[in-house]
Amino acid sequence: MSFSRRLLLGSTAIILLWIGTFELPLGAQETTASSDPASGEKAIRKRLAETRTLLEQGHDEAAESRLAKDANSRPQTAEWFQEKAADFLRIAFSAQESGDKKTAQKAARRVLALLDKAEALSANDADTLASISEVRGYIREHLLGNTEEAIQEYKKALAHKADSPSARQKLNQLEKPSASEAPAMEPSSTQK
C-alpha cells in the first residue's frame, strides 16, 4: 500500500500509522540482515533515538540527514518527504509523551516543513493534499497548541476533499464554542 493511500485512512489512523502503533508501522518495509521483525523495529527505534538526540542538541540538519540516509522512497519525491515527516512525527510524539515540549515542538515544525515540500510535489493529487492538510491541522492543534491555524488546515483539507468525514468532524469540534465560552445571557433592560 502506498504512503499516499495510507494517508486516506483518516487523521487518527494517520497519526497512529506515523507513530508506528497501527497495522503498518513506519519502516515496516525495512529489512535487516536477519529479517527478524523484532530486530527491524529495534533498528527503527535506534534511528529515531539518534535523530531525537541530534534535534535536542540543536543539530537539525544532521537530524534530517540521519533520517534521509535510511529512507525507503526515492529521494526528493513527495513520498520521500512524507516518509521523513512521519519519522519526525514519531519523534515529536515520543518527546511530548516524555514531557520534552521543546523537542516535541521542534520536531513538529520539521514535520510541517517537510509536508510543505511534499505538498509542492503533490499539486495534482487532491486526496494527498487533503491528507497533508489534515495532518498539519492535527499537528498544529495537538503539538503546537494553535487552534486557529488548525482550523485553517482542516478547512484547507475540506477544500481539497469536501467529503472528508474526519476533517469535517475535527473542524466542527474546534469551531463549536464550549459552554464556558458561550456568551452569557444578559437580562433585558426593557423589562418592567
N, C-alpha and C. Protein backbone atom coordinates (compact mmCIF):
# COMPACT_ATOMS: atom_id res chain seq x y z
N MET A 1 0.85 -1.16 0.00
CA MET A 1 0.00 0.00 0.00
C MET A 1 0.90 1.23 0.00
N SER A 2 0.65 2.18 -0.89
CA SER A 2 1.50 3.36 -0.97
C SER A 2 1.25 4.27 0.23
N PHE A 3 2.22 5.13 0.49
CA PHE A 3 2.09 6.06 1.60
C PHE A 3 0.88 6.95 1.41
N SER A 4 0.65 7.43 0.18
CA SER A 4 -0.49 8.30 -0.09
C SER A 4 -1.80 7.57 0.21
N ARG A 5 -1.88 6.31 -0.13
CA ARG A 5 -3.09 5.53 0.13
C ARG A 5 -3.32 5.39 1.63
N ARG A 6 -2.26 5.16 2.39
CA ARG A 6 -2.40 5.04 3.84
C ARG A 6 -2.87 6.36 4.45
N LEU A 7 -2.50 7.48 3.83
CA LEU A 7 -2.92 8.77 4.35
C LEU A 7 -4.43 8.94 4.32
N LEU A 8 -5.10 8.21 3.45
CA LEU A 8 -6.53 8.36 3.30
C LEU A 8 -7.32 7.70 4.41
N LEU A 9 -6.69 7.07 5.33
CA LEU A 9 -7.38 6.32 6.37
C LEU A 9 -8.00 7.20 7.45
N GLY A 10 -7.81 8.49 7.40
CA GLY A 10 -8.34 9.39 8.42
C GLY A 10 -7.22 9.85 9.33
N SER A 11 -7.36 11.04 9.89
CA SER A 11 -6.25 11.63 10.64
C SER A 11 -5.85 10.82 11.86
N THR A 12 -6.77 10.24 12.59
CA THR A 12 -6.38 9.45 13.75
C THR A 12 -5.57 8.25 13.32
N ALA A 13 -6.04 7.55 12.31
CA ALA A 13 -5.29 6.39 11.80
C ALA A 13 -3.96 6.84 11.24
N ILE A 14 -3.94 7.99 10.61
CA ILE A 14 -2.70 8.52 10.04
C ILE A 14 -1.68 8.72 11.15
N ILE A 15 -2.11 9.37 12.20
CA ILE A 15 -1.20 9.63 13.30
C ILE A 15 -0.72 8.31 13.90
N LEU A 16 -1.63 7.35 14.08
CA LEU A 16 -1.23 6.06 14.61
C LEU A 16 -0.28 5.35 13.66
N LEU A 17 -0.53 5.46 12.36
CA LEU A 17 0.39 4.87 11.38
C LEU A 17 1.76 5.51 11.53
N TRP A 18 1.77 6.81 11.61
CA TRP A 18 3.02 7.54 11.62
C TRP A 18 3.84 7.29 12.87
N ILE A 19 3.17 7.02 13.97
CA ILE A 19 3.96 6.78 15.18
C ILE A 19 4.17 5.29 15.42
N GLY A 20 3.68 4.48 14.49
CA GLY A 20 4.03 3.07 14.49
C GLY A 20 3.23 2.19 15.41
N THR A 21 2.00 2.57 15.75
CA THR A 21 1.21 1.73 16.63
C THR A 21 0.02 1.12 15.92
N PHE A 22 -0.05 1.23 14.63
CA PHE A 22 -1.17 0.71 13.86
C PHE A 22 -0.68 -0.42 12.98
N GLU A 23 -1.49 -0.86 12.09
CA GLU A 23 -1.21 -2.03 11.25
C GLU A 23 0.14 -1.97 10.54
N LEU A 24 0.51 -0.85 10.02
CA LEU A 24 1.75 -0.74 9.23
C LEU A 24 2.70 0.25 9.88
N PRO A 25 3.50 -0.18 10.84
CA PRO A 25 4.41 0.77 11.48
C PRO A 25 5.38 1.34 10.46
N LEU A 26 5.72 2.59 10.67
CA LEU A 26 6.64 3.24 9.75
C LEU A 26 7.92 2.44 9.66
N GLY A 27 8.37 2.25 8.46
CA GLY A 27 9.59 1.49 8.25
C GLY A 27 9.36 0.00 8.25
N ALA A 28 8.10 -0.43 8.21
CA ALA A 28 7.81 -1.86 8.23
C ALA A 28 8.40 -2.55 7.02
N GLN A 29 8.61 -1.78 5.95
CA GLN A 29 9.17 -2.37 4.75
C GLN A 29 10.69 -2.48 4.84
N GLU A 30 11.26 -1.95 5.92
CA GLU A 30 12.70 -2.07 6.09
C GLU A 30 13.06 -3.53 6.37
N THR A 31 14.18 -3.93 5.91
CA THR A 31 14.62 -5.30 6.20
C THR A 31 15.95 -5.23 6.91
N THR A 32 16.22 -6.26 7.65
CA THR A 32 17.51 -6.36 8.31
C THR A 32 18.18 -7.61 7.80
N ALA A 33 19.43 -7.76 8.13
CA ALA A 33 20.16 -8.93 7.65
C ALA A 33 19.49 -10.21 8.10
N SER A 34 18.92 -10.21 9.28
CA SER A 34 18.30 -11.43 9.78
C SER A 34 16.82 -11.53 9.40
N SER A 35 16.24 -10.48 8.86
CA SER A 35 14.82 -10.41 8.51
C SER A 35 13.93 -10.68 9.71
N ASP A 36 14.43 -10.46 10.91
CA ASP A 36 13.68 -10.63 12.14
C ASP A 36 12.92 -9.34 12.40
N PRO A 37 11.56 -9.40 12.49
CA PRO A 37 10.78 -8.19 12.71
C PRO A 37 11.18 -7.45 13.98
N ALA A 38 11.53 -8.17 15.02
CA ALA A 38 11.91 -7.52 16.27
C ALA A 38 13.19 -6.71 16.10
N SER A 39 14.16 -7.25 15.37
CA SER A 39 15.40 -6.50 15.17
C SER A 39 15.18 -5.34 14.21
N GLY A 40 14.23 -5.48 13.29
CA GLY A 40 13.89 -4.36 12.40
C GLY A 40 13.29 -3.21 13.18
N GLU A 41 12.38 -3.51 14.10
CA GLU A 41 11.78 -2.47 14.94
C GLU A 41 12.84 -1.86 15.85
N LYS A 42 13.75 -2.67 16.33
CA LYS A 42 14.84 -2.19 17.18
C LYS A 42 15.71 -1.19 16.41
N ALA A 43 15.99 -1.51 15.14
CA ALA A 43 16.79 -0.60 14.30
C ALA A 43 16.06 0.71 14.07
N ILE A 44 14.74 0.64 13.87
CA ILE A 44 13.95 1.86 13.68
C ILE A 44 14.01 2.71 14.94
N ARG A 45 13.79 2.09 16.08
CA ARG A 45 13.82 2.83 17.35
C ARG A 45 15.19 3.47 17.59
N LYS A 46 16.25 2.74 17.24
CA LYS A 46 17.61 3.28 17.41
C LYS A 46 17.80 4.49 16.52
N ARG A 47 17.37 4.39 15.25
CA ARG A 47 17.50 5.51 14.31
C ARG A 47 16.72 6.73 14.82
N LEU A 48 15.52 6.51 15.31
CA LEU A 48 14.71 7.62 15.82
C LEU A 48 15.32 8.23 17.08
N ALA A 49 15.88 7.39 17.94
CA ALA A 49 16.53 7.90 19.15
C ALA A 49 17.76 8.73 18.79
N GLU A 50 18.54 8.26 17.83
CA GLU A 50 19.71 9.04 17.39
C GLU A 50 19.28 10.38 16.80
N THR A 51 18.21 10.35 16.03
CA THR A 51 17.72 11.59 15.41
C THR A 51 17.21 12.54 16.48
N ARG A 52 16.48 12.02 17.46
CA ARG A 52 15.98 12.86 18.54
C ARG A 52 17.13 13.51 19.30
N THR A 53 18.19 12.75 19.56
CA THR A 53 19.35 13.30 20.25
C THR A 53 19.96 14.45 19.45
N LEU A 54 20.08 14.27 18.14
CA LEU A 54 20.61 15.34 17.29
C LEU A 54 19.72 16.58 17.37
N LEU A 55 18.41 16.39 17.36
CA LEU A 55 17.49 17.53 17.48
C LEU A 55 17.65 18.23 18.82
N GLU A 56 17.73 17.46 19.89
CA GLU A 56 17.88 18.03 21.23
C GLU A 56 19.17 18.83 21.34
N GLN A 57 20.20 18.42 20.61
CA GLN A 57 21.49 19.10 20.64
C GLN A 57 21.54 20.29 19.69
N GLY A 58 20.45 20.52 18.96
CA GLY A 58 20.39 21.66 18.04
C GLY A 58 20.95 21.38 16.66
N HIS A 59 21.16 20.14 16.33
CA HIS A 59 21.71 19.77 15.02
C HIS A 59 20.58 19.33 14.08
N ASP A 60 19.73 20.29 13.72
CA ASP A 60 18.53 19.98 12.93
C ASP A 60 18.85 19.36 11.57
N GLU A 61 19.80 19.94 10.87
CA GLU A 61 20.15 19.42 9.54
C GLU A 61 20.74 18.02 9.64
N ALA A 62 21.57 17.80 10.65
CA ALA A 62 22.15 16.46 10.84
C ALA A 62 21.06 15.45 11.17
N ALA A 63 20.05 15.90 11.94
CA ALA A 63 18.93 15.01 12.28
C ALA A 63 18.18 14.60 11.01
N GLU A 64 17.93 15.58 10.17
CA GLU A 64 17.22 15.27 8.92
C GLU A 64 18.06 14.38 8.02
N SER A 65 19.35 14.64 7.96
CA SER A 65 20.24 13.80 7.16
C SER A 65 20.28 12.37 7.69
N ARG A 66 20.22 12.21 9.01
CA ARG A 66 20.23 10.87 9.60
C ARG A 66 19.02 10.07 9.13
N LEU A 67 17.87 10.71 9.10
CA LEU A 67 16.67 10.02 8.64
C LEU A 67 16.70 9.76 7.13
N ALA A 68 17.23 10.70 6.39
CA ALA A 68 17.27 10.55 4.93
C ALA A 68 18.13 9.38 4.51
N LYS A 69 19.14 9.10 5.29
CA LYS A 69 20.08 8.01 4.98
C LYS A 69 19.36 6.66 4.90
N ASP A 70 18.32 6.48 5.72
CA ASP A 70 17.62 5.20 5.77
C ASP A 70 16.25 5.22 5.08
N ALA A 71 15.94 6.29 4.38
CA ALA A 71 14.63 6.39 3.74
C ALA A 71 14.45 5.31 2.69
N ASN A 72 13.22 4.82 2.58
CA ASN A 72 12.91 3.77 1.63
C ASN A 72 12.45 4.30 0.27
N SER A 73 11.99 5.51 0.23
CA SER A 73 11.47 6.11 -1.00
C SER A 73 12.59 6.74 -1.82
N ARG A 74 12.30 6.96 -3.08
CA ARG A 74 13.25 7.62 -3.97
C ARG A 74 13.46 9.06 -3.47
N PRO A 75 14.70 9.52 -3.32
CA PRO A 75 14.98 10.85 -2.77
C PRO A 75 14.29 11.98 -3.53
N GLN A 76 13.91 12.99 -2.74
CA GLN A 76 13.33 14.24 -3.24
C GLN A 76 11.97 14.06 -3.93
N THR A 77 11.25 13.00 -3.58
CA THR A 77 9.89 12.81 -4.09
C THR A 77 8.92 13.13 -2.95
N ALA A 78 7.66 13.28 -3.29
CA ALA A 78 6.64 13.56 -2.27
C ALA A 78 6.64 12.46 -1.21
N GLU A 79 6.72 11.22 -1.63
CA GLU A 79 6.72 10.12 -0.66
C GLU A 79 7.94 10.15 0.23
N TRP A 80 9.08 10.54 -0.32
CA TRP A 80 10.31 10.64 0.48
C TRP A 80 10.15 11.69 1.57
N PHE A 81 9.60 12.86 1.21
CA PHE A 81 9.37 13.91 2.21
C PHE A 81 8.33 13.46 3.24
N GLN A 82 7.31 12.74 2.80
CA GLN A 82 6.30 12.23 3.72
C GLN A 82 6.90 11.20 4.67
N GLU A 83 7.76 10.36 4.15
CA GLU A 83 8.41 9.35 4.99
C GLU A 83 9.26 10.01 6.07
N LYS A 84 10.03 11.02 5.69
CA LYS A 84 10.84 11.74 6.68
C LYS A 84 9.94 12.47 7.67
N ALA A 85 8.84 13.05 7.18
CA ALA A 85 7.89 13.74 8.06
C ALA A 85 7.31 12.76 9.07
N ALA A 86 7.00 11.56 8.63
CA ALA A 86 6.44 10.55 9.53
C ALA A 86 7.43 10.19 10.64
N ASP A 87 8.69 10.07 10.30
CA ASP A 87 9.71 9.79 11.31
C ASP A 87 9.80 10.93 12.32
N PHE A 88 9.82 12.16 11.83
CA PHE A 88 9.88 13.31 12.74
C PHE A 88 8.62 13.39 13.60
N LEU A 89 7.48 12.98 13.05
CA LEU A 89 6.25 12.98 13.83
C LEU A 89 6.33 11.97 14.97
N ARG A 90 6.90 10.82 14.70
CA ARG A 90 7.10 9.83 15.77
C ARG A 90 8.00 10.41 16.86
N ILE A 91 9.02 11.12 16.47
CA ILE A 91 9.92 11.76 17.44
C ILE A 91 9.16 12.81 18.24
N ALA A 92 8.32 13.60 17.56
CA ALA A 92 7.56 14.65 18.24
C ALA A 92 6.64 14.05 19.30
N PHE A 93 5.93 12.98 18.95
CA PHE A 93 5.03 12.36 19.92
C PHE A 93 5.81 11.70 21.05
N SER A 94 6.94 11.10 20.75
CA SER A 94 7.76 10.49 21.79
C SER A 94 8.26 11.56 22.76
N ALA A 95 8.71 12.68 22.22
CA ALA A 95 9.21 13.76 23.07
C ALA A 95 8.07 14.35 23.91
N GLN A 96 6.91 14.53 23.30
CA GLN A 96 5.77 15.06 24.04
C GLN A 96 5.37 14.11 25.17
N GLU A 97 5.36 12.84 24.87
CA GLU A 97 4.98 11.83 25.87
C GLU A 97 5.95 11.83 27.06
N SER A 98 7.22 12.12 26.78
CA SER A 98 8.21 12.13 27.87
C SER A 98 8.32 13.50 28.54
N GLY A 99 7.47 14.44 28.13
CA GLY A 99 7.45 15.76 28.77
C GLY A 99 8.44 16.76 28.19
N ASP A 100 9.08 16.43 27.08
CA ASP A 100 10.05 17.32 26.45
C ASP A 100 9.34 18.16 25.38
N LYS A 101 8.66 19.20 25.84
CA LYS A 101 7.85 20.04 24.96
C LYS A 101 8.70 20.75 23.90
N LYS A 102 9.88 21.19 24.28
CA LYS A 102 10.75 21.91 23.34
C LYS A 102 11.12 21.03 22.14
N THR A 103 11.55 19.81 22.40
CA THR A 103 11.92 18.90 21.31
C THR A 103 10.68 18.49 20.52
N ALA A 104 9.56 18.29 21.20
CA ALA A 104 8.31 17.93 20.51
C ALA A 104 7.93 19.02 19.52
N GLN A 105 8.00 20.26 19.94
CA GLN A 105 7.62 21.37 19.05
C GLN A 105 8.64 21.56 17.93
N LYS A 106 9.89 21.36 18.24
CA LYS A 106 10.93 21.46 17.21
C LYS A 106 10.72 20.39 16.13
N ALA A 107 10.46 19.16 16.55
CA ALA A 107 10.21 18.07 15.60
C ALA A 107 8.92 18.35 14.82
N ALA A 108 7.90 18.87 15.50
CA ALA A 108 6.64 19.18 14.83
C ALA A 108 6.84 20.23 13.73
N ARG A 109 7.66 21.23 14.01
CA ARG A 109 7.94 22.25 12.98
C ARG A 109 8.69 21.64 11.79
N ARG A 110 9.56 20.66 12.05
CA ARG A 110 10.25 19.95 10.95
C ARG A 110 9.24 19.18 10.11
N VAL A 111 8.28 18.55 10.79
CA VAL A 111 7.23 17.82 10.06
C VAL A 111 6.50 18.78 9.13
N LEU A 112 6.13 19.94 9.63
CA LEU A 112 5.39 20.91 8.81
C LEU A 112 6.22 21.34 7.61
N ALA A 113 7.50 21.58 7.80
CA ALA A 113 8.37 21.99 6.69
C ALA A 113 8.47 20.88 5.64
N LEU A 114 8.60 19.64 6.10
CA LEU A 114 8.68 18.50 5.17
C LEU A 114 7.36 18.30 4.44
N LEU A 115 6.25 18.49 5.14
CA LEU A 115 4.95 18.36 4.48
C LEU A 115 4.73 19.47 3.45
N ASP A 116 5.30 20.65 3.69
CA ASP A 116 5.23 21.72 2.68
C ASP A 116 5.91 21.26 1.38
N LYS A 117 7.05 20.61 1.53
CA LYS A 117 7.77 20.12 0.34
C LYS A 117 6.99 19.01 -0.34
N ALA A 118 6.41 18.11 0.44
CA ALA A 118 5.60 17.03 -0.14
C ALA A 118 4.39 17.61 -0.86
N GLU A 119 3.79 18.63 -0.26
CA GLU A 119 2.62 19.26 -0.87
C GLU A 119 2.98 19.88 -2.23
N ALA A 120 4.12 20.52 -2.30
CA ALA A 120 4.54 21.15 -3.55
C ALA A 120 4.72 20.12 -4.67
N LEU A 121 5.08 18.90 -4.30
CA LEU A 121 5.28 17.83 -5.28
C LEU A 121 4.01 17.02 -5.55
N SER A 122 2.93 17.33 -4.84
CA SER A 122 1.68 16.60 -4.98
C SER A 122 0.57 17.48 -5.52
N ALA A 123 0.91 18.48 -6.29
CA ALA A 123 -0.01 19.53 -6.70
C ALA A 123 -1.30 19.04 -7.35
N ASN A 124 -1.30 17.89 -8.01
CA ASN A 124 -2.50 17.43 -8.71
C ASN A 124 -3.22 16.29 -8.01
N ASP A 125 -2.83 15.95 -6.81
CA ASP A 125 -3.42 14.82 -6.09
C ASP A 125 -4.25 15.34 -4.91
N ALA A 126 -5.54 15.53 -5.15
CA ALA A 126 -6.42 16.13 -4.14
C ALA A 126 -6.47 15.31 -2.85
N ASP A 127 -6.47 13.99 -2.97
CA ASP A 127 -6.52 13.15 -1.77
C ASP A 127 -5.28 13.34 -0.90
N THR A 128 -4.13 13.34 -1.53
CA THR A 128 -2.88 13.53 -0.78
C THR A 128 -2.83 14.93 -0.18
N LEU A 129 -3.24 15.93 -0.94
CA LEU A 129 -3.24 17.31 -0.43
C LEU A 129 -4.18 17.45 0.76
N ALA A 130 -5.34 16.82 0.68
CA ALA A 130 -6.29 16.87 1.80
C ALA A 130 -5.69 16.19 3.03
N SER A 131 -5.06 15.06 2.82
CA SER A 131 -4.46 14.33 3.95
C SER A 131 -3.32 15.12 4.57
N ILE A 132 -2.49 15.73 3.75
CA ILE A 132 -1.39 16.54 4.27
C ILE A 132 -1.94 17.69 5.12
N SER A 133 -2.98 18.36 4.63
CA SER A 133 -3.58 19.46 5.38
C SER A 133 -4.18 18.97 6.69
N GLU A 134 -4.80 17.81 6.65
CA GLU A 134 -5.40 17.27 7.86
C GLU A 134 -4.33 16.91 8.90
N VAL A 135 -3.24 16.33 8.47
CA VAL A 135 -2.16 16.01 9.40
C VAL A 135 -1.56 17.31 9.95
N ARG A 136 -1.40 18.31 9.10
CA ARG A 136 -0.91 19.61 9.58
C ARG A 136 -1.84 20.18 10.64
N GLY A 137 -3.15 20.08 10.41
CA GLY A 137 -4.11 20.56 11.39
C GLY A 137 -3.95 19.85 12.72
N TYR A 138 -3.79 18.54 12.65
CA TYR A 138 -3.61 17.74 13.86
C TYR A 138 -2.35 18.18 14.61
N ILE A 139 -1.27 18.39 13.88
CA ILE A 139 -0.01 18.82 14.48
C ILE A 139 -0.17 20.19 15.13
N ARG A 140 -0.78 21.12 14.40
CA ARG A 140 -0.96 22.47 14.94
C ARG A 140 -1.84 22.46 16.19
N GLU A 141 -2.85 21.59 16.17
CA GLU A 141 -3.76 21.51 17.31
C GLU A 141 -3.11 20.81 18.50
N HIS A 142 -2.55 19.63 18.30
CA HIS A 142 -2.11 18.78 19.41
C HIS A 142 -0.65 18.96 19.83
N LEU A 143 0.21 19.36 18.92
CA LEU A 143 1.63 19.51 19.28
C LEU A 143 2.04 20.97 19.45
N LEU A 144 1.44 21.86 18.69
CA LEU A 144 1.82 23.26 18.76
C LEU A 144 0.79 24.12 19.49
N GLY A 145 -0.40 23.56 19.74
CA GLY A 145 -1.41 24.27 20.51
C GLY A 145 -2.01 25.47 19.83
N ASN A 146 -2.04 25.49 18.51
CA ASN A 146 -2.57 26.63 17.78
C ASN A 146 -3.89 26.24 17.11
N THR A 147 -4.97 26.49 17.81
CA THR A 147 -6.30 26.10 17.33
C THR A 147 -6.68 26.84 16.06
N GLU A 148 -6.40 28.12 15.98
CA GLU A 148 -6.78 28.89 14.79
C GLU A 148 -6.10 28.37 13.53
N GLU A 149 -4.81 28.06 13.63
CA GLU A 149 -4.10 27.51 12.47
C GLU A 149 -4.61 26.10 12.15
N ALA A 150 -4.97 25.35 13.17
CA ALA A 150 -5.53 24.01 12.95
C ALA A 150 -6.84 24.12 12.19
N ILE A 151 -7.69 25.05 12.58
CA ILE A 151 -8.96 25.26 11.88
C ILE A 151 -8.71 25.58 10.41
N GLN A 152 -7.74 26.43 10.13
CA GLN A 152 -7.43 26.77 8.74
C GLN A 152 -6.96 25.56 7.95
N GLU A 153 -6.17 24.71 8.59
CA GLU A 153 -5.70 23.49 7.91
C GLU A 153 -6.86 22.54 7.63
N TYR A 154 -7.78 22.37 8.59
CA TYR A 154 -8.92 21.48 8.36
C TYR A 154 -9.81 22.03 7.25
N LYS A 155 -9.96 23.35 7.19
CA LYS A 155 -10.73 23.96 6.09
C LYS A 155 -10.04 23.71 4.76
N LYS A 156 -8.73 23.80 4.76
CA LYS A 156 -7.94 23.55 3.55
C LYS A 156 -8.12 22.08 3.11
N ALA A 157 -8.12 21.17 4.07
CA ALA A 157 -8.33 19.75 3.76
C ALA A 157 -9.68 19.55 3.09
N LEU A 158 -10.70 20.22 3.62
CA LEU A 158 -12.04 20.10 3.04
C LEU A 158 -12.13 20.77 1.68
N ALA A 159 -11.33 21.79 1.44
CA ALA A 159 -11.30 22.41 0.12
C ALA A 159 -10.75 21.44 -0.92
N HIS A 160 -9.82 20.61 -0.51
CA HIS A 160 -9.25 19.60 -1.42
C HIS A 160 -10.17 18.39 -1.56
N LYS A 161 -10.82 18.02 -0.46
CA LYS A 161 -11.66 16.82 -0.45
C LYS A 161 -12.87 17.09 0.45
N ALA A 162 -13.93 17.59 -0.14
CA ALA A 162 -15.11 18.03 0.62
C ALA A 162 -15.79 16.91 1.39
N ASP A 163 -15.59 15.67 0.99
CA ASP A 163 -16.27 14.56 1.67
C ASP A 163 -15.40 13.87 2.72
N SER A 164 -14.43 14.58 3.28
CA SER A 164 -13.57 14.01 4.31
C SER A 164 -14.28 14.09 5.67
N PRO A 165 -14.79 12.95 6.16
CA PRO A 165 -15.52 12.99 7.43
C PRO A 165 -14.64 13.35 8.62
N SER A 166 -13.38 12.91 8.62
CA SER A 166 -12.53 13.22 9.77
C SER A 166 -12.17 14.70 9.82
N ALA A 167 -11.89 15.30 8.67
CA ALA A 167 -11.59 16.74 8.66
C ALA A 167 -12.82 17.54 9.05
N ARG A 168 -13.99 17.13 8.57
CA ARG A 168 -15.24 17.80 8.92
C ARG A 168 -15.49 17.70 10.43
N GLN A 169 -15.29 16.51 10.99
CA GLN A 169 -15.52 16.30 12.41
C GLN A 169 -14.58 17.16 13.25
N LYS A 170 -13.29 17.17 12.90
CA LYS A 170 -12.33 17.96 13.66
C LYS A 170 -12.63 19.45 13.55
N LEU A 171 -13.01 19.90 12.37
CA LEU A 171 -13.36 21.31 12.18
C LEU A 171 -14.58 21.67 13.03
N ASN A 172 -15.60 20.83 13.00
CA ASN A 172 -16.80 21.08 13.81
C ASN A 172 -16.47 21.13 15.29
N GLN A 173 -15.60 20.24 15.75
CA GLN A 173 -15.21 20.22 17.17
C GLN A 173 -14.50 21.51 17.56
N LEU A 174 -13.63 22.00 16.70
CA LEU A 174 -12.85 23.19 17.03
C LEU A 174 -13.66 24.48 16.89
N GLU A 175 -14.60 24.49 15.96
CA GLU A 175 -15.39 25.70 15.74
C GLU A 175 -16.56 25.82 16.70
N LYS A 176 -16.99 24.71 17.29
CA LYS A 176 -18.12 24.73 18.22
C LYS A 176 -17.65 25.34 19.53
N PRO A 177 -18.24 26.44 19.94
CA PRO A 177 -17.81 27.05 21.20
C PRO A 177 -18.21 26.16 22.38
N SER A 178 -17.32 26.09 23.35
CA SER A 178 -17.63 25.30 24.54
C SER A 178 -18.61 26.08 25.40
N ALA A 179 -19.23 25.41 26.35
CA ALA A 179 -20.22 26.05 27.21
C ALA A 179 -19.61 27.22 27.98
N SER A 180 -18.35 27.11 28.36
CA SER A 180 -17.70 28.19 29.13
C SER A 180 -17.41 29.41 28.26
N GLU A 181 -17.36 29.22 26.94
CA GLU A 181 -17.09 30.34 26.04
C GLU A 181 -18.36 30.99 25.52
N ALA A 182 -19.51 30.35 25.74
CA ALA A 182 -20.77 30.89 25.22
C ALA A 182 -21.07 32.21 25.93
N PRO A 183 -21.55 33.19 25.18
CA PRO A 183 -21.86 34.48 25.81
C PRO A 183 -22.97 34.32 26.84
N ALA A 184 -22.81 35.00 27.94
CA ALA A 184 -23.81 34.94 29.00
C ALA A 184 -25.05 35.71 28.56
N MET A 185 -26.21 35.22 28.95
CA MET A 185 -27.46 35.90 28.64
C MET A 185 -27.61 37.05 29.60
N GLU A 186 -27.80 38.25 29.05
CA GLU A 186 -28.00 39.43 29.91
C GLU A 186 -29.48 39.70 30.00
N PRO A 187 -29.92 40.10 31.18
CA PRO A 187 -31.34 40.42 31.29
C PRO A 187 -31.68 41.62 30.43
N SER A 188 -32.85 41.60 29.91
CA SER A 188 -33.29 42.70 29.04
C SER A 188 -33.50 43.95 29.88
N SER A 189 -33.04 45.07 29.38
CA SER A 189 -33.16 46.33 30.10
C SER A 189 -34.54 46.96 29.94
N THR A 190 -35.36 46.33 29.10
CA THR A 190 -36.68 46.87 28.87
C THR A 190 -37.76 46.18 29.68
N GLN A 191 -37.35 45.30 30.62
CA GLN A 191 -38.35 44.61 31.44
C GLN A 191 -38.99 45.58 32.43
N LYS A 192 -40.28 45.39 32.69
CA LYS A 192 -40.99 46.27 33.63
C LYS A 192 -41.32 45.54 34.88
